């Protein structure tokens, strides 16, 4: 498990938000401090606890393993075309999100590690390439 970032719910529009249509959520790339903002669309069915409380996110090898025996409030979900699988739990009154990369991407003919896509969910910024 590797620390990914801190996500703050907001009602304010932010520049360069990304939309996840499956969940009707919008979020930003992390700022220089690793903070991202998460906004919810009118059709989002995400529970109110995520709309009201910030949460930490972690990269994991397996979402299923990470949530075993935990109180799951969202997921696991696999938004279409995003290459990640994610779930949110509550532990000791804290929200924790686990993100598992499930698909590598091609960009200009090169394979991406997908870490940029998985960083704070699905970011298309600072995309490392290999190959």
C-alpha atoms as a PDB file:
ATOM      1  CA  UNK A   1       0.000   0.000   0.000  1.00  0.00           C
ATOM      2  CA  UNK A   2       1.355   3.394  -0.996  1.00  0.00           C
ATOM      3  CA  UNK A   3       0.029   6.805   0.019  1.00  0.00           C
ATOM      4  CA  UNK A   4      -1.655   8.519  -2.948  1.00  0.00           C
ATOM      5  CA  UNK A   5      -3.167  11.780  -1.737  1.00  0.00           C
ATOM      6  CA  UNK A   6      -5.731  13.787   0.196  1.00  0.00           C
ATOM      7  CA  UNK A   7      -9.114  14.440  -1.417  1.00  0.00           C
ATOM      8  CA  UNK A   8     -11.390  17.278  -0.291  1.00  0.00           C
ATOM      9  CA  UNK A   9     -15.076  17.403  -1.260  1.00  0.00           C
ATOM     10  CA  UNK A  10     -16.227  20.735  -2.674  1.00  0.00           C
ATOM     11  CA  UNK A  11     -19.151  22.428  -4.359  1.00  0.00           C
ATOM     12  CA  UNK A  12     -16.889  24.889  -6.175  1.00  0.00           C
ATOM     13  CA  UNK A  13     -15.872  24.479  -9.801  1.00  0.00           C
ATOM     14  CA  UNK A  14     -12.132  24.067 -10.283  1.00  0.00           C
ATOM     15  CA  UNK A  15     -10.065  24.625 -13.398  1.00  0.00           C
ATOM     16  CA  UNK A  16      -9.132  21.453 -15.323  1.00  0.00           C
ATOM     17  CA  UNK A  17     -11.613  19.195 -13.529  1.00  0.00           C
ATOM     18  CA  UNK A  18     -11.995  15.704 -14.953  1.00  0.00           C
ATOM     19  CA  UNK A  19     -15.468  14.190 -15.159  1.00  0.00           C
ATOM     20  CA  UNK A  20     -16.213  10.526 -14.445  1.00  0.00           C
ATOM     21  CA  UNK A  21     -19.602  10.043 -16.122  1.00  0.00           C
ATOM     22  CA  UNK A  22     -20.303   6.621 -14.547  1.00  0.00           C
ATOM     23  CA  UNK A  23     -20.240   8.183 -11.077  1.00  0.00           C
ATOM     24  CA  UNK A  24     -21.083  11.779 -12.046  1.00  0.00           C
ATOM     25  CA  UNK A  25     -18.101  13.123 -10.115  1.00  0.00           C
ATOM     26  CA  UNK A  26     -15.499  15.737 -11.012  1.00  0.00           C
ATOM     27  CA  UNK A  27     -12.004  15.949  -9.567  1.00  0.00           C
ATOM     28  CA  UNK A  28      -8.772  17.838  -9.998  1.00  0.00           C
ATOM     29  CA  UNK A  29      -5.176  16.846 -10.426  1.00  0.00           C
ATOM     30  CA  UNK A  30      -3.292  17.051  -7.149  1.00  0.00           C
ATOM     31  CA  UNK A  31      -1.701  20.389  -6.353  1.00  0.00           C
ATOM     32  CA  UNK A  32       1.916  20.728  -5.258  1.00  0.00           C
ATOM     33  CA  UNK A  33       0.916  19.446  -1.801  1.00  0.00           C
ATOM     34  CA  UNK A  34      -0.902  16.335  -3.056  1.00  0.00           C
ATOM     35  CA  UNK A  35      -4.380  17.783  -2.467  1.00  0.00           C
ATOM     36  CA  UNK A  36      -7.220  17.152  -4.937  1.00  0.00           C
ATOM     37  CA  UNK A  37     -10.783  18.452  -4.928  1.00  0.00           C
ATOM     38  CA  UNK A  38     -13.820  16.267  -5.567  1.00  0.00           C
ATOM     39  CA  UNK A  39     -17.162  17.648  -6.731  1.00  0.00           C
ATOM     40  CA  UNK A  40     -20.400  15.732  -7.226  1.00  0.00           C
ATOM     41  CA  UNK A  41     -22.835  16.129 -10.108  1.00  0.00           C
ATOM     42  CA  UNK A  42     -26.598  16.230  -9.697  1.00  0.00           C
ATOM     43  CA  UNK A  43     -26.967  12.569 -10.695  1.00  0.00           C
ATOM     44  CA  UNK A  44     -24.182  11.213  -8.468  1.00  0.00           C
ATOM     45  CA  UNK A  45     -25.277   8.454  -6.133  1.00  0.00           C
ATOM     46  CA  UNK A  46     -22.132   8.598  -4.010  1.00  0.00           C
ATOM     47  CA  UNK A  47     -23.061   8.498  -0.277  1.00  0.00           C
ATOM     48  CA  UNK A  48     -23.280  11.773   1.607  1.00  0.00           C
ATOM     49  CA  UNK A  49     -20.352  10.893   3.891  1.00  0.00           C
ATOM     50  CA  UNK A  50     -17.979  11.313   0.908  1.00  0.00           C
ATOM     51  CA  UNK A  51     -19.614  14.629   0.060  1.00  0.00           C
ATOM     52  CA  UNK A  52     -18.985  15.946   3.577  1.00  0.00           C
ATOM     53  CA  UNK A  53     -15.685  14.469   4.716  1.00  0.00           C
ATOM     54  CA  UNK A  54     -12.197  14.575   3.144  1.00  0.00           C
ATOM     55  CA  UNK A  55     -10.399  11.280   2.677  1.00  0.00           C
ATOM     56  CA  UNK A  56      -7.006   9.736   2.136  1.00  0.00           C
ATOM     57  CA  UNK A  57      -6.256   7.581  -0.891  1.00  0.00           C
ATOM     58  CA  UNK A  58      -3.792   4.724  -1.266  1.00  0.00           C
ATOM     59  CA  UNK A  59      -2.538   2.686  -4.219  1.00  0.00           C
ATOM     60  CA  UNK A  60      -3.000  -1.033  -3.620  1.00  0.00           C
ATOM     61  CA  UNK A  61      -2.261  -4.197  -5.563  1.00  0.00           C
ATOM     62  CA  UNK A  62      -5.763  -5.537  -4.888  1.00  0.00           C
ATOM     63  CA  UNK A  63      -8.858  -3.587  -3.866  1.00  0.00           C
ATOM     64  CA  UNK A  64     -10.539  -6.858  -2.900  1.00  0.00           C
ATOM     65  CA  UNK A  65      -7.757  -7.716  -0.458  1.00  0.00           C
ATOM     66  CA  UNK A  66      -7.642  -4.175   0.955  1.00  0.00           C
ATOM     67  CA  UNK A  67     -11.368  -4.120   1.789  1.00  0.00           C
ATOM     68  CA  UNK A  68     -11.652  -7.612   3.296  1.00  0.00           C
ATOM     69  CA  UNK A  69     -13.419  -7.350   6.636  1.00  0.00           C
ATOM     70  CA  UNK A  70     -13.802  -3.555   6.321  1.00  0.00           C
ATOM     71  CA  UNK A  71     -16.890  -1.329   6.324  1.00  0.00           C
ATOM     72  CA  UNK A  72     -17.214  -0.452   2.611  1.00  0.00           C
ATOM     73  CA  UNK A  73     -19.152   2.724   1.770  1.00  0.00           C
ATOM     74  CA  UNK A  74     -18.416   2.846  -1.976  1.00  0.00           C
ATOM     75  CA  UNK A  75     -17.459   0.121  -4.398  1.00  0.00           C
ATOM     76  CA  UNK A  76     -15.629  -1.598  -5.547  1.00  0.00           C
ATOM     77  CA  UNK A  77     -16.292   0.342  -8.740  1.00  0.00           C
ATOM     78  CA  UNK A  78     -14.553   0.284 -12.097  1.00  0.00           C
ATOM     79  CA  UNK A  79     -15.535   3.400 -14.064  1.00  0.00           C
ATOM     80  CA  UNK A  80     -15.621   2.709 -17.804  1.00  0.00           C
ATOM     81  CA  UNK A  81     -12.437   3.511 -19.654  1.00  0.00           C
ATOM     82  CA  UNK A  82     -10.530   4.718 -16.599  1.00  0.00           C
ATOM     83  CA  UNK A  83      -8.195   1.774 -16.028  1.00  0.00           C
ATOM     84  CA  UNK A  84      -8.685   1.724 -12.265  1.00  0.00           C
ATOM     85  CA  UNK A  85     -10.803  -0.072  -9.704  1.00  0.00           C
ATOM     86  CA  UNK A  86     -11.572   1.724  -6.468  1.00  0.00           C
ATOM     87  CA  UNK A  87     -13.383   1.369  -3.145  1.00  0.00           C
ATOM     88  CA  UNK A  88     -13.829   3.551  -0.069  1.00  0.00           C
ATOM     89  CA  UNK A  89     -14.004   2.255   3.497  1.00  0.00           C
ATOM     90  CA  UNK A  90     -14.632   3.800   6.904  1.00  0.00           C
ATOM     91  CA  UNK A  91     -12.140   2.912   9.604  1.00  0.00           C
ATOM     92  CA  UNK A  92     -11.974   4.661  12.991  1.00  0.00           C
ATOM     93  CA  UNK A  93     -14.309   7.358  11.570  1.00  0.00           C
ATOM     94  CA  UNK A  94     -11.836   8.076   8.750  1.00  0.00           C
ATOM     95  CA  UNK A  95     -12.595   7.585   5.061  1.00  0.00           C
ATOM     96  CA  UNK A  96      -9.920   5.656   3.188  1.00  0.00           C
ATOM     97  CA  UNK A  97      -9.927   5.048  -0.553  1.00  0.00           C
ATOM     98  CA  UNK A  98      -8.056   2.189  -2.210  1.00  0.00           C
ATOM     99  CA  UNK A  99      -7.120   2.417  -5.898  1.00  0.00           C
ATOM    100  CA  UNK A 100      -5.973  -0.528  -7.986  1.00  0.00           C
ATOM    101  CA  UNK A 101      -4.561  -0.057 -11.482  1.00  0.00           C
ATOM    102  CA  UNK A 102      -6.177  -2.627 -13.756  1.00  0.00           C
ATOM    103  CA  UNK A 103      -5.163  -1.489 -17.233  1.00  0.00           C
ATOM    104  CA  UNK A 104      -2.179   0.097 -18.909  1.00  0.00           C
ATOM    105  CA  UNK A 105      -2.821   2.725 -21.569  1.00  0.00           C
ATOM    106  CA  UNK A 106      -1.264   3.603 -24.890  1.00  0.00           C
ATOM    107  CA  UNK A 107      -0.309   7.181 -25.601  1.00  0.00           C
ATOM    108  CA  UNK A 108       1.236   8.142 -28.938  1.00  0.00           C
ATOM    109  CA  UNK A 109       2.127   4.480 -29.452  1.00  0.00           C
ATOM    110  CA  UNK A 110       3.887   4.076 -26.096  1.00  0.00           C
ATOM    111  CA  UNK A 111       2.687   2.091 -23.115  1.00  0.00           C
ATOM    112  CA  UNK A 112       1.912   4.043 -19.958  1.00  0.00           C
ATOM    113  CA  UNK A 113       2.453   2.682 -16.488  1.00  0.00           C
ATOM    114  CA  UNK A 114      -0.957   4.130 -15.596  1.00  0.00           C
ATOM    115  CA  UNK A 115       0.380   5.546 -12.328  1.00  0.00           C
ATOM    116  CA  UNK A 116      -0.570   9.021 -13.486  1.00  0.00           C
ATOM    117  CA  UNK A 117      -4.052   7.779 -14.340  1.00  0.00           C
ATOM    118  CA  UNK A 118      -4.369   6.147 -10.937  1.00  0.00           C
ATOM    119  CA  UNK A 119      -2.875   9.047  -9.008  1.00  0.00           C
ATOM    120  CA  UNK A 120      -5.823  10.578  -7.222  1.00  0.00           C
ATOM    121  CA  UNK A 121      -8.008   8.320  -9.288  1.00  0.00           C
ATOM    122  CA  UNK A 122      -7.783   9.044 -12.968  1.00  0.00           C
ATOM    123  CA  UNK A 123      -5.359  11.822 -13.805  1.00  0.00           C
ATOM    124  CA  UNK A 124      -3.895  12.368 -17.251  1.00  0.00           C
ATOM    125  CA  UNK A 125      -1.051  14.492 -15.933  1.00  0.00           C
ATOM    126  CA  UNK A 126       2.644  13.719 -15.426  1.00  0.00           C
ATOM    127  CA  UNK A 127       2.267  10.498 -17.376  1.00  0.00           C
ATOM    128  CA  UNK A 128       5.387   8.337 -17.102  1.00  0.00           C
ATOM    129  CA  UNK A 129       6.204   6.363 -20.226  1.00  0.00           C
ATOM    130  CA  UNK A 130       8.339   3.297 -20.729  1.00  0.00           C
ATOM    131  CA  UNK A 131       9.236   0.990 -23.588  1.00  0.00           C
END
